[in-house]
Amino acid sequence: MAKPKATGMSRAPSFAGLVPTSTAASNAARGASAKINTRCELVLRCNLWKRGLRYRLHQPGLPGRPDVVFGKQRVAVFCDGDFWHGRNLESRVAKLARGNNPSYWVAKVVRNVERDRWQTRTLEDAGWIVLRYWETDILRRPDKIADEISRVVKVTSTRVMRAPFPPRSHPPALEP
């Protein structure tokens, strides 16, 4: 699948011309999907807390509002859901293409992946270390992932602080 081209800045993704199967179905799908305090996020946070790590949650002002933020060390951790954030994107898109209202759902998931990439790039350009983990990996191996995060946080604890995060900008809009 070809990567969409960035054409400018936009506040939110546009799905102009794409309609969900029904408003009720779309609202039910989005409403049933937790945005914060998901099971994988809670499992990871519990493991980080046990290791003596202290953090902030869903830090406003940072692109993507990372799930766990170590501000002094400038480490942002995202717990990405397999479906919404496009794990195994090619097979995910193929499955969505065979389902109901494929043009809407394929565009939605692909746009989420593009937004995740933009948020990661923006944070890294500002001097942050970005760690992204899939929900199933967190649930299968929470100790291993918490150990990895702990190592990164400890190594960066001695790093020189940089200027605060620049004013917020928005991800580029994609051509429809």
Protein backbone atom coordinates (compact mmCIF):
# COMPACT_ATOMS: atom_id res chain seq x y z
CA MET A 1 0.00 0.00 0.00
CA ALA A 2 1.37 3.39 -0.97
CA LYS A 3 2.12 5.88 1.78
CA PRO A 4 -0.14 8.99 1.68
CA LYS A 5 1.60 12.28 1.01
CA ALA A 6 1.69 15.07 3.59
CA THR A 7 0.25 18.30 2.19
CA GLY A 8 0.13 20.77 5.06
CA MET A 9 -1.01 21.22 8.60
CA SER A 10 -4.42 20.24 9.96
CA ARG A 11 -5.96 20.10 13.40
CA ALA A 12 -7.65 16.73 12.92
CA PRO A 13 -7.69 13.96 10.35
CA SER A 14 -10.21 14.43 7.58
CA PHE A 15 -12.26 11.55 6.36
CA ALA A 16 -14.19 13.71 3.87
CA GLY A 17 -16.33 11.55 1.65
CA LEU A 18 -15.95 8.51 3.89
CA VAL A 19 -18.93 7.60 5.98
CA PRO A 20 -19.25 4.99 8.70
CA THR A 21 -21.76 2.21 8.06
CA SER A 22 -24.06 3.91 10.55
CA THR A 23 -23.68 6.63 13.13
CA ALA A 24 -24.71 4.21 15.86
CA ALA A 25 -22.09 1.64 14.80
CA SER A 26 -19.36 4.25 14.63
CA ASN A 27 -20.25 5.73 18.02
CA ALA A 28 -20.42 2.26 19.58
CA ALA A 29 -16.99 1.30 18.20
CA ARG A 30 -15.32 4.51 19.37
CA GLY A 31 -17.16 4.61 22.69
CA ALA A 32 -16.26 1.04 23.57
CA SER A 33 -12.59 1.75 22.98
CA ALA A 34 -10.96 3.11 26.13
CA LYS A 35 -8.64 6.04 25.54
CA ILE A 36 -6.88 6.11 28.91
CA ASN A 37 -6.32 3.64 31.73
CA THR A 38 -6.55 0.62 29.46
CA ARG A 39 -5.69 -2.79 30.87
CA CYS A 40 -2.26 -2.87 29.25
CA GLU A 41 -1.53 0.64 30.52
CA LEU A 42 -2.49 -0.28 34.08
CA VAL A 43 -0.39 -3.46 33.99
CA LEU A 44 2.64 -1.53 32.74
CA ARG A 45 2.22 1.29 35.27
CA CYS A 46 1.94 -1.20 38.13
CA ASN A 47 5.21 -2.83 37.04
CA LEU A 48 6.94 0.54 36.71
CA TRP A 49 5.72 1.61 40.17
CA LYS A 50 7.06 -1.62 41.71
CA ARG A 51 10.49 -0.67 40.33
CA GLY A 52 10.35 2.65 42.15
CA LEU A 53 9.75 4.70 39.00
CA ARG A 54 7.52 7.75 39.33
CA TYR A 55 5.88 9.34 36.31
CA ARG A 56 3.14 11.60 34.98
CA LEU A 57 0.15 10.38 33.00
CA HIS A 58 -1.21 11.69 29.70
CA GLN A 59 0.88 14.87 29.85
CA PRO A 60 -1.05 17.71 28.18
CA GLY A 61 0.98 19.76 25.74
CA LEU A 62 2.98 16.82 24.41
CA PRO A 63 2.04 15.48 20.98
CA GLY A 64 -0.06 12.36 21.36
CA ARG A 65 -0.41 12.82 25.14
CA PRO A 66 1.92 9.91 25.98
CA ASP A 67 0.49 7.31 28.36
CA VAL A 68 3.49 7.53 30.73
CA VAL A 69 5.88 10.48 30.90
CA PHE A 70 9.20 10.79 32.72
CA GLY A 71 9.60 14.57 32.44
CA LYS A 72 13.06 15.11 33.90
CA GLN A 73 14.50 12.35 31.75
CA ARG A 74 12.41 13.37 28.71
CA VAL A 75 11.13 9.85 28.10
CA ALA A 76 7.63 9.35 26.67
CA VAL A 77 5.98 5.91 26.67
CA PHE A 78 3.01 4.96 24.50
CA CYS A 79 0.91 1.82 24.98
CA ASP A 80 -0.52 1.31 21.48
CA GLY A 81 -3.61 -0.79 20.91
CA ASP A 82 -3.07 -3.44 18.23
CA PHE A 83 -6.19 -2.58 16.21
CA TRP A 84 -6.35 1.21 16.35
CA HIS A 85 -2.61 1.77 15.92
CA GLY A 86 -2.18 -0.76 13.10
CA ARG A 87 -0.09 -3.63 14.36
CA ASN A 88 0.81 -5.83 11.37
CA LEU A 89 -0.57 -3.07 9.18
CA GLU A 90 -0.57 -4.95 5.87
CA SER A 91 -2.60 -7.87 7.17
CA ARG A 92 -4.80 -5.51 9.19
CA VAL A 93 -5.60 -3.47 6.07
CA ALA A 94 -6.29 -6.66 4.10
CA LYS A 95 -8.77 -7.81 6.77
CA LEU A 96 -10.42 -4.41 6.93
CA ALA A 97 -10.71 -4.33 3.13
CA ARG A 98 -12.80 -7.52 3.29
CA GLY A 99 -15.09 -6.19 6.04
CA ASN A 100 -17.92 -3.71 6.28
CA ASN A 101 -17.33 -0.19 4.99
CA PRO A 102 -13.68 -0.89 4.12
CA SER A 103 -12.82 2.56 2.72
CA TYR A 104 -13.69 4.21 6.02
CA TRP A 105 -11.89 1.74 8.31
CA VAL A 106 -8.76 1.38 6.18
CA ALA A 107 -8.40 5.17 5.98
CA LYS A 108 -9.00 5.49 9.73
CA VAL A 109 -6.34 2.97 10.80
CA VAL A 110 -3.78 4.15 8.21
CA ARG A 111 -4.28 7.74 9.36
CA ASN A 112 -3.76 6.69 12.99
CA VAL A 113 -0.44 5.08 12.03
CA GLU A 114 0.65 8.23 10.19
CA ARG A 115 -0.31 10.37 13.19
CA ASP A 116 1.68 8.10 15.52
CA ARG A 117 4.75 8.48 13.30
CA TRP A 118 4.36 12.27 13.24
CA GLN A 119 4.00 12.42 17.03
CA THR A 120 7.10 10.25 17.52
CA ARG A 121 9.14 12.37 15.10
CA THR A 122 8.00 15.62 16.73
CA LEU A 123 8.91 14.42 20.22
CA GLU A 124 12.28 13.07 19.09
CA ASP A 125 13.07 16.32 17.28
CA ALA A 126 12.45 18.10 20.59
CA GLY A 127 14.97 15.85 22.38
CA TRP A 128 12.60 13.24 23.83
CA ILE A 129 13.15 9.51 23.83
CA VAL A 130 9.96 7.84 22.61
CA LEU A 131 9.17 4.25 23.53
CA ARG A 132 6.17 2.58 21.89
CA TYR A 133 4.86 -0.84 22.91
CA TRP A 134 1.99 -2.93 21.55
CA GLU A 135 -0.77 -3.85 23.98
CA THR A 136 -0.35 -7.61 23.48
CA ASP A 137 3.41 -7.36 24.12
CA ILE A 138 2.77 -5.47 27.36
CA LEU A 139 0.20 -8.02 28.51
CA ARG A 140 2.44 -10.98 27.61
CA ARG A 141 5.73 -9.64 29.01
CA PRO A 142 5.08 -6.73 31.39
CA ASP A 143 8.22 -7.39 33.47
CA LYS A 144 10.52 -7.37 30.45
CA ILE A 145 9.04 -4.14 29.09
CA ALA A 146 9.11 -2.45 32.52
CA ASP A 147 12.78 -3.47 32.88
CA GLU A 148 13.55 -1.96 29.47
CA ILE A 149 11.82 1.31 30.34
CA SER A 150 13.59 1.36 33.71
CA ARG A 151 16.99 1.00 32.02
CA VAL A 152 16.24 3.84 29.60
CA VAL A 153 15.01 6.13 32.39
CA LYS A 154 18.07 5.41 34.56
CA VAL A 155 20.51 5.98 31.69
CA THR A 156 18.85 9.27 30.75
CA SER A 157 18.68 10.49 34.36
CA THR A 158 22.20 11.83 34.02
CA ARG A 159 21.52 13.49 30.66
CA VAL A 160 21.67 17.30 30.43
CA MET A 161 18.24 18.91 30.36
CA ARG A 162 17.19 20.69 27.19
CA ALA A 163 14.82 23.59 26.66
CA PRO A 164 11.12 22.97 27.33
CA PHE A 165 8.93 21.56 24.60
CA PRO A 166 8.18 24.06 21.80
CA PRO A 167 4.66 25.42 21.20
CA ARG A 168 2.26 22.79 19.95
CA SER A 169 1.85 22.27 16.24
CA HIS A 170 -0.39 19.77 14.49
CA PRO A 171 0.24 16.77 12.27
CA PRO A 172 0.24 17.30 8.54
CA ALA A 173 -3.01 16.68 6.73
CA LEU A 174 -3.04 13.87 4.25
CA GLU A 175 -4.50 13.99 0.77
CA PRO A 176 -7.91 12.27 0.62
